[in-house]
Amino acid sequence: MTENEREAMLLALDDELLKGDVILSEWCTFITRDADTSFIHGAFLACILTSVAAIETHLRSESGEAKRMRLAQLIDAAQLESDLTADLHGLRRYRNRWVHVEDPWEDSELLEHPEQHEAELEQKALMCVRALRRTIYNNPGV
């Protein structure tokens, strides 16, 4: 996909998923904008990291006990559709594999087949931008 196609896809997602008004914290808005910018420009790992951060920020803004909760707990406590909850946990675990690399010197697969990792990152970034929108548009106003 080109940058224009990715931007059009984000707009189409907004048209599809936004069914009313939403009120977001300025932190969530700022992080979401960076996630979108990363996605549009093909920085897929950055998109994944910032999308999950935006999801966490939004869930914290919706929860009264947010300061004491980890992301996994926030996801479980949120009143989300079960498939979205499962997707968020999967994306959280995927993000953790990149943030907390177990053995940084075990990199032969990454060196030998970077295109496979890049394709996977693109697919996961697409899942992230969709899951982010499903999360922040979960409780629309009328």
N, C-alpha and C. Protein backbone atom coordinates (compact mmCIF):
# COMPACT_ATOMS: atom_id res chain seq x y z
N MET A 1 0.83 -1.19 0.00
CA MET A 1 0.00 0.00 0.00
C MET A 1 0.87 1.25 0.00
N THR A 2 0.40 2.25 -0.67
CA THR A 2 1.11 3.53 -0.67
C THR A 2 0.66 4.34 0.55
N GLU A 3 1.36 5.45 0.81
CA GLU A 3 0.98 6.32 1.92
C GLU A 3 -0.44 6.84 1.74
N ASN A 4 -0.78 7.23 0.51
CA ASN A 4 -2.14 7.73 0.24
C ASN A 4 -3.19 6.65 0.50
N GLU A 5 -2.88 5.42 0.12
CA GLU A 5 -3.82 4.31 0.35
C GLU A 5 -3.97 4.03 1.84
N ARG A 6 -2.86 4.09 2.59
CA ARG A 6 -2.95 3.85 4.04
C ARG A 6 -3.76 4.97 4.71
N GLU A 7 -3.55 6.21 4.28
CA GLU A 7 -4.32 7.32 4.85
C GLU A 7 -5.81 7.17 4.53
N ALA A 8 -6.11 6.78 3.31
CA ALA A 8 -7.51 6.57 2.91
C ALA A 8 -8.12 5.42 3.72
N MET A 9 -7.32 4.41 3.99
CA MET A 9 -7.81 3.29 4.78
C MET A 9 -8.18 3.73 6.20
N LEU A 10 -7.35 4.60 6.80
CA LEU A 10 -7.67 5.11 8.14
C LEU A 10 -8.97 5.91 8.12
N LEU A 11 -9.15 6.73 7.12
CA LEU A 11 -10.39 7.50 7.00
C LEU A 11 -11.59 6.58 6.82
N ALA A 12 -11.41 5.51 6.05
CA ALA A 12 -12.50 4.54 5.86
C ALA A 12 -12.81 3.82 7.16
N LEU A 13 -11.79 3.51 7.95
CA LEU A 13 -12.02 2.90 9.26
C LEU A 13 -12.82 3.83 10.16
N ASP A 14 -12.46 5.11 10.16
CA ASP A 14 -13.21 6.08 10.96
C ASP A 14 -14.67 6.13 10.51
N ASP A 15 -14.89 6.16 9.21
CA ASP A 15 -16.26 6.19 8.68
C ASP A 15 -17.03 4.93 9.09
N GLU A 16 -16.35 3.80 9.06
CA GLU A 16 -17.00 2.53 9.38
C GLU A 16 -17.30 2.39 10.87
N LEU A 17 -16.36 2.78 11.72
CA LEU A 17 -16.44 2.45 13.15
C LEU A 17 -16.98 3.56 14.04
N LEU A 18 -16.88 4.79 13.63
CA LEU A 18 -17.34 5.89 14.47
C LEU A 18 -18.83 6.11 14.25
N LYS A 19 -19.61 5.85 15.27
CA LYS A 19 -21.07 5.95 15.17
C LYS A 19 -21.60 6.93 16.21
N GLY A 20 -21.12 8.12 16.21
CA GLY A 20 -21.53 9.14 17.18
C GLY A 20 -20.34 9.99 17.54
N ASP A 21 -20.39 10.60 18.70
CA ASP A 21 -19.30 11.44 19.18
C ASP A 21 -18.46 10.67 20.19
N VAL A 22 -17.19 11.02 20.28
CA VAL A 22 -16.34 10.48 21.34
C VAL A 22 -15.60 11.63 22.01
N ILE A 23 -15.33 11.44 23.27
CA ILE A 23 -14.52 12.39 24.01
C ILE A 23 -13.28 11.64 24.45
N LEU A 24 -12.13 12.14 24.02
CA LEU A 24 -10.86 11.51 24.34
C LEU A 24 -10.01 12.49 25.13
N SER A 25 -9.17 11.95 25.99
CA SER A 25 -8.20 12.81 26.67
C SER A 25 -7.23 13.36 25.63
N GLU A 26 -6.64 14.49 25.93
CA GLU A 26 -5.67 15.07 24.99
C GLU A 26 -4.47 14.15 24.83
N TRP A 27 -4.10 13.41 25.88
CA TRP A 27 -3.00 12.45 25.78
C TRP A 27 -3.33 11.37 24.76
N CYS A 28 -4.53 10.83 24.84
CA CYS A 28 -4.94 9.78 23.91
C CYS A 28 -4.98 10.31 22.49
N THR A 29 -5.51 11.52 22.31
CA THR A 29 -5.57 12.13 20.98
C THR A 29 -4.17 12.30 20.40
N PHE A 30 -3.25 12.80 21.20
CA PHE A 30 -1.87 13.04 20.76
C PHE A 30 -1.19 11.73 20.35
N ILE A 31 -1.33 10.70 21.18
CA ILE A 31 -0.68 9.41 20.90
C ILE A 31 -1.32 8.76 19.68
N THR A 32 -2.64 8.85 19.57
CA THR A 32 -3.34 8.28 18.41
C THR A 32 -2.88 8.94 17.12
N ARG A 33 -2.71 10.24 17.16
CA ARG A 33 -2.23 10.96 15.96
C ARG A 33 -0.85 10.45 15.55
N ASP A 34 0.03 10.20 16.52
CA ASP A 34 1.35 9.65 16.20
C ASP A 34 1.25 8.23 15.65
N ALA A 35 0.34 7.43 16.20
CA ALA A 35 0.14 6.07 15.68
C ALA A 35 -0.30 6.12 14.22
N ASP A 36 -1.24 7.02 13.93
CA ASP A 36 -1.72 7.16 12.55
C ASP A 36 -0.61 7.63 11.62
N THR A 37 0.18 8.60 12.08
CA THR A 37 1.29 9.11 11.26
C THR A 37 2.30 8.00 10.98
N SER A 38 2.60 7.20 12.00
CA SER A 38 3.52 6.07 11.81
C SER A 38 2.98 5.08 10.80
N PHE A 39 1.70 4.77 10.91
CA PHE A 39 1.07 3.83 9.98
C PHE A 39 1.12 4.36 8.55
N ILE A 40 0.70 5.60 8.38
CA ILE A 40 0.66 6.19 7.03
C ILE A 40 2.04 6.15 6.38
N HIS A 41 3.08 6.43 7.14
CA HIS A 41 4.43 6.52 6.58
C HIS A 41 5.18 5.19 6.60
N GLY A 42 4.51 4.12 6.99
CA GLY A 42 5.11 2.79 6.91
C GLY A 42 6.06 2.45 8.04
N ALA A 43 6.01 3.19 9.13
CA ALA A 43 6.82 2.87 10.32
C ALA A 43 5.97 1.95 11.20
N PHE A 44 5.87 0.69 10.78
CA PHE A 44 4.88 -0.22 11.36
C PHE A 44 5.18 -0.60 12.80
N LEU A 45 6.44 -0.79 13.15
CA LEU A 45 6.76 -1.08 14.55
C LEU A 45 6.39 0.12 15.43
N ALA A 46 6.72 1.31 14.99
CA ALA A 46 6.34 2.52 15.74
C ALA A 46 4.82 2.61 15.85
N CYS A 47 4.12 2.24 14.81
CA CYS A 47 2.66 2.26 14.83
C CYS A 47 2.12 1.31 15.89
N ILE A 48 2.68 0.12 15.95
CA ILE A 48 2.24 -0.87 16.93
C ILE A 48 2.48 -0.36 18.34
N LEU A 49 3.68 0.13 18.59
CA LEU A 49 4.01 0.61 19.94
C LEU A 49 3.12 1.77 20.36
N THR A 50 2.91 2.72 19.46
CA THR A 50 2.10 3.88 19.83
C THR A 50 0.61 3.55 19.86
N SER A 51 0.15 2.65 19.02
CA SER A 51 -1.25 2.25 19.06
C SER A 51 -1.59 1.59 20.39
N VAL A 52 -0.74 0.68 20.83
CA VAL A 52 -0.99 0.01 22.11
C VAL A 52 -0.90 1.02 23.25
N ALA A 53 0.02 1.98 23.15
CA ALA A 53 0.10 3.04 24.17
C ALA A 53 -1.18 3.88 24.18
N ALA A 54 -1.72 4.18 23.02
CA ALA A 54 -2.97 4.95 22.94
C ALA A 54 -4.14 4.15 23.52
N ILE A 55 -4.17 2.87 23.24
CA ILE A 55 -5.21 2.00 23.80
C ILE A 55 -5.12 2.00 25.32
N GLU A 56 -3.92 1.83 25.84
CA GLU A 56 -3.73 1.84 27.29
C GLU A 56 -4.14 3.18 27.90
N THR A 57 -3.74 4.26 27.26
CA THR A 57 -4.09 5.60 27.74
C THR A 57 -5.60 5.78 27.78
N HIS A 58 -6.27 5.34 26.73
CA HIS A 58 -7.73 5.48 26.69
C HIS A 58 -8.39 4.62 27.78
N LEU A 59 -7.94 3.37 27.91
CA LEU A 59 -8.53 2.50 28.93
C LEU A 59 -8.30 3.07 30.33
N ARG A 60 -7.15 3.68 30.55
CA ARG A 60 -6.89 4.32 31.84
C ARG A 60 -7.85 5.48 32.07
N SER A 61 -8.14 6.22 31.02
CA SER A 61 -9.04 7.37 31.16
C SER A 61 -10.48 6.91 31.46
N GLU A 62 -10.81 5.69 31.09
CA GLU A 62 -12.15 5.16 31.29
C GLU A 62 -12.31 4.43 32.62
N SER A 63 -11.20 4.09 33.27
CA SER A 63 -11.24 3.27 34.49
C SER A 63 -10.95 4.12 35.72
N GLY A 64 -11.71 3.90 36.76
CA GLY A 64 -11.49 4.60 38.02
C GLY A 64 -10.30 4.08 38.80
N GLU A 65 -9.92 2.85 38.60
CA GLU A 65 -8.81 2.22 39.32
C GLU A 65 -7.56 2.12 38.45
N ALA A 66 -7.46 2.95 37.46
CA ALA A 66 -6.44 2.81 36.42
C ALA A 66 -5.01 2.88 36.94
N LYS A 67 -4.75 3.69 37.95
CA LYS A 67 -3.36 3.86 38.39
C LYS A 67 -2.76 2.57 38.93
N ARG A 68 -3.57 1.70 39.39
CA ARG A 68 -3.07 0.46 40.00
C ARG A 68 -3.11 -0.73 39.05
N MET A 69 -3.55 -0.51 37.83
CA MET A 69 -3.76 -1.63 36.92
C MET A 69 -2.73 -1.67 35.80
N ARG A 70 -2.35 -2.89 35.45
CA ARG A 70 -1.50 -3.11 34.29
C ARG A 70 -2.39 -3.18 33.06
N LEU A 71 -1.77 -3.11 31.89
CA LEU A 71 -2.54 -3.10 30.65
C LEU A 71 -3.44 -4.33 30.54
N ALA A 72 -2.94 -5.51 30.86
CA ALA A 72 -3.76 -6.72 30.78
C ALA A 72 -4.99 -6.60 31.67
N GLN A 73 -4.83 -6.03 32.84
CA GLN A 73 -5.97 -5.85 33.74
C GLN A 73 -6.95 -4.81 33.20
N LEU A 74 -6.40 -3.74 32.61
CA LEU A 74 -7.27 -2.72 32.02
C LEU A 74 -8.13 -3.30 30.91
N ILE A 75 -7.51 -4.13 30.08
CA ILE A 75 -8.24 -4.77 28.98
C ILE A 75 -9.35 -5.65 29.54
N ASP A 76 -9.03 -6.46 30.55
CA ASP A 76 -10.03 -7.36 31.13
C ASP A 76 -11.16 -6.59 31.82
N ALA A 77 -10.83 -5.46 32.42
CA ALA A 77 -11.84 -4.68 33.15
C ALA A 77 -12.73 -3.85 32.23
N ALA A 78 -12.25 -3.55 31.04
CA ALA A 78 -13.02 -2.74 30.10
C ALA A 78 -14.22 -3.53 29.60
N GLN A 79 -15.29 -2.84 29.33
CA GLN A 79 -16.48 -3.50 28.80
C GLN A 79 -16.42 -3.47 27.28
N LEU A 80 -15.64 -4.41 26.74
CA LEU A 80 -15.42 -4.49 25.30
C LEU A 80 -15.98 -5.80 24.78
N GLU A 81 -16.24 -5.86 23.50
CA GLU A 81 -16.67 -7.12 22.89
C GLU A 81 -15.57 -8.16 23.08
N SER A 82 -15.96 -9.41 23.23
CA SER A 82 -14.99 -10.46 23.54
C SER A 82 -13.92 -10.60 22.46
N ASP A 83 -14.29 -10.43 21.18
CA ASP A 83 -13.29 -10.55 20.13
C ASP A 83 -12.29 -9.41 20.18
N LEU A 84 -12.74 -8.20 20.56
CA LEU A 84 -11.82 -7.07 20.71
C LEU A 84 -10.90 -7.30 21.90
N THR A 85 -11.44 -7.80 22.99
CA THR A 85 -10.61 -8.12 24.17
C THR A 85 -9.52 -9.11 23.78
N ALA A 86 -9.88 -10.14 23.05
CA ALA A 86 -8.89 -11.14 22.61
C ALA A 86 -7.85 -10.51 21.69
N ASP A 87 -8.29 -9.65 20.77
CA ASP A 87 -7.35 -8.98 19.87
C ASP A 87 -6.38 -8.09 20.65
N LEU A 88 -6.91 -7.35 21.63
CA LEU A 88 -6.05 -6.46 22.42
C LEU A 88 -5.00 -7.24 23.21
N HIS A 89 -5.40 -8.38 23.77
CA HIS A 89 -4.41 -9.20 24.48
C HIS A 89 -3.36 -9.73 23.51
N GLY A 90 -3.78 -10.15 22.34
CA GLY A 90 -2.82 -10.63 21.34
C GLY A 90 -1.86 -9.54 20.91
N LEU A 91 -2.38 -8.35 20.67
CA LEU A 91 -1.53 -7.22 20.26
C LEU A 91 -0.61 -6.80 21.41
N ARG A 92 -1.11 -6.84 22.63
CA ARG A 92 -0.28 -6.52 23.80
C ARG A 92 0.88 -7.50 23.91
N ARG A 93 0.61 -8.78 23.74
CA ARG A 93 1.69 -9.79 23.81
C ARG A 93 2.67 -9.61 22.65
N TYR A 94 2.15 -9.32 21.45
CA TYR A 94 3.03 -9.09 20.30
C TYR A 94 3.93 -7.88 20.55
N ARG A 95 3.34 -6.79 21.02
CA ARG A 95 4.12 -5.59 21.36
C ARG A 95 5.20 -5.91 22.39
N ASN A 96 4.86 -6.71 23.38
CA ASN A 96 5.83 -7.07 24.43
C ASN A 96 7.03 -7.83 23.87
N ARG A 97 6.80 -8.64 22.84
CA ARG A 97 7.93 -9.37 22.24
C ARG A 97 8.94 -8.42 21.63
N TRP A 98 8.47 -7.28 21.10
CA TRP A 98 9.37 -6.30 20.51
C TRP A 98 9.96 -5.37 21.56
N VAL A 99 9.22 -5.07 22.59
CA VAL A 99 9.69 -4.15 23.63
C VAL A 99 10.66 -4.86 24.59
N HIS A 100 10.40 -6.11 24.86
CA HIS A 100 11.21 -6.88 25.82
C HIS A 100 11.87 -8.04 25.09
N VAL A 101 12.81 -7.75 24.20
CA VAL A 101 13.49 -8.78 23.43
C VAL A 101 14.29 -9.67 24.38
N GLU A 102 13.99 -10.97 24.37
CA GLU A 102 14.61 -11.89 25.32
C GLU A 102 16.10 -12.06 25.07
N ASP A 103 16.50 -12.29 23.82
CA ASP A 103 17.90 -12.51 23.50
C ASP A 103 18.26 -11.66 22.27
N PRO A 104 18.73 -10.44 22.49
CA PRO A 104 19.02 -9.53 21.38
C PRO A 104 20.08 -10.05 20.40
N TRP A 105 20.90 -10.99 20.84
CA TRP A 105 21.95 -11.50 19.94
C TRP A 105 21.48 -12.69 19.12
N GLU A 106 20.28 -13.17 19.38
CA GLU A 106 19.70 -14.23 18.56
C GLU A 106 18.92 -13.56 17.44
N ASP A 107 19.66 -13.08 16.43
CA ASP A 107 19.06 -12.24 15.40
C ASP A 107 19.25 -12.77 13.98
N SER A 108 19.67 -14.01 13.85
CA SER A 108 19.94 -14.54 12.51
C SER A 108 18.68 -14.56 11.64
N GLU A 109 17.55 -14.93 12.20
CA GLU A 109 16.31 -14.96 11.44
C GLU A 109 15.93 -13.56 10.95
N LEU A 110 16.11 -12.59 11.79
CA LEU A 110 15.80 -11.20 11.42
C LEU A 110 16.75 -10.72 10.32
N LEU A 111 18.02 -11.10 10.42
CA LEU A 111 19.00 -10.69 9.41
C LEU A 111 18.79 -11.40 8.07
N GLU A 112 18.43 -12.68 8.13
CA GLU A 112 18.30 -13.47 6.91
C GLU A 112 16.97 -13.25 6.19
N HIS A 113 15.92 -12.92 6.92
CA HIS A 113 14.59 -12.77 6.32
C HIS A 113 13.87 -11.53 6.84
N PRO A 114 14.47 -10.35 6.66
CA PRO A 114 13.82 -9.14 7.19
C PRO A 114 12.46 -8.86 6.55
N GLU A 115 12.29 -9.28 5.31
CA GLU A 115 11.02 -9.02 4.62
C GLU A 115 9.86 -9.75 5.29
N GLN A 116 10.13 -10.93 5.87
CA GLN A 116 9.06 -11.65 6.58
C GLN A 116 8.63 -10.87 7.82
N HIS A 117 9.60 -10.33 8.54
CA HIS A 117 9.29 -9.55 9.74
C HIS A 117 8.58 -8.25 9.36
N GLU A 118 9.02 -7.63 8.29
CA GLU A 118 8.38 -6.39 7.83
C GLU A 118 6.94 -6.64 7.42
N ALA A 119 6.68 -7.74 6.73
CA ALA A 119 5.31 -8.07 6.32
C ALA A 119 4.44 -8.35 7.54
N GLU A 120 4.99 -9.06 8.50
CA GLU A 120 4.25 -9.34 9.73
C GLU A 120 3.96 -8.05 10.50
N LEU A 121 4.95 -7.16 10.57
CA LEU A 121 4.75 -5.87 11.25
C LEU A 121 3.65 -5.06 10.57
N GLU A 122 3.62 -5.08 9.24
CA GLU A 122 2.59 -4.34 8.52
C GLU A 122 1.21 -4.89 8.85
N GLN A 123 1.09 -6.21 8.86
CA GLN A 123 -0.19 -6.85 9.17
C GLN A 123 -0.63 -6.50 10.60
N LYS A 124 0.30 -6.59 11.55
CA LYS A 124 -0.02 -6.28 12.95
C LYS A 124 -0.34 -4.80 13.13
N ALA A 125 0.34 -3.93 12.40
CA ALA A 125 0.03 -2.50 12.47
C ALA A 125 -1.39 -2.23 11.99
N LEU A 126 -1.80 -2.91 10.94
CA LEU A 126 -3.17 -2.77 10.46
C LEU A 126 -4.16 -3.24 11.53
N MET A 127 -3.85 -4.35 12.17
CA MET A 127 -4.71 -4.83 13.26
C MET A 127 -4.75 -3.80 14.39
N CYS A 128 -3.61 -3.18 14.67
CA CYS A 128 -3.53 -2.19 15.75
C CYS A 128 -4.38 -0.96 15.48
N VAL A 129 -4.28 -0.40 14.28
CA VAL A 129 -5.05 0.82 14.01
C VAL A 129 -6.55 0.52 14.04
N ARG A 130 -6.92 -0.66 13.63
CA ARG A 130 -8.34 -1.05 13.70
C ARG A 130 -8.76 -1.25 15.16
N ALA A 131 -7.95 -1.98 15.93
CA ALA A 131 -8.28 -2.24 17.35
C ALA A 131 -8.29 -0.94 18.15
N LEU A 132 -7.39 -0.04 17.83
CA LEU A 132 -7.36 1.26 18.49
C LEU A 132 -8.69 1.98 18.27
N ARG A 133 -9.14 2.03 17.04
CA ARG A 133 -10.40 2.71 16.74
C ARG A 133 -11.59 2.01 17.39
N ARG A 134 -11.60 0.70 17.35
CA ARG A 134 -12.69 -0.02 18.01
C ARG A 134 -12.72 0.29 19.50
N THR A 135 -11.54 0.47 20.09
CA THR A 135 -11.47 0.75 21.52
C THR A 135 -11.91 2.18 21.84
N ILE A 136 -11.37 3.15 21.13
CA ILE A 136 -11.70 4.53 21.48
C ILE A 136 -13.10 4.92 21.04
N TYR A 137 -13.68 4.19 20.07
CA TYR A 137 -15.04 4.48 19.63
C TYR A 137 -16.06 3.55 20.30
N ASN A 138 -15.64 2.83 21.32
CA ASN A 138 -16.47 1.82 21.95
C ASN A 138 -17.73 2.39 22.60
N ASN A 139 -17.65 3.57 23.21
CA ASN A 139 -18.79 4.17 23.89
C ASN A 139 -19.14 5.53 23.27
N PRO A 140 -19.68 5.51 22.07
CA PRO A 140 -19.97 6.79 21.42
C PRO A 140 -21.14 7.51 22.06
N GLY A 141 -21.07 8.84 22.01
CA GLY A 141 -22.21 9.64 22.41
C GLY A 141 -23.22 9.66 21.28
N VAL A 142 -24.35 10.20 21.54
CA VAL A 142 -25.39 10.21 20.51
C VAL A 142 -25.61 11.63 20.03
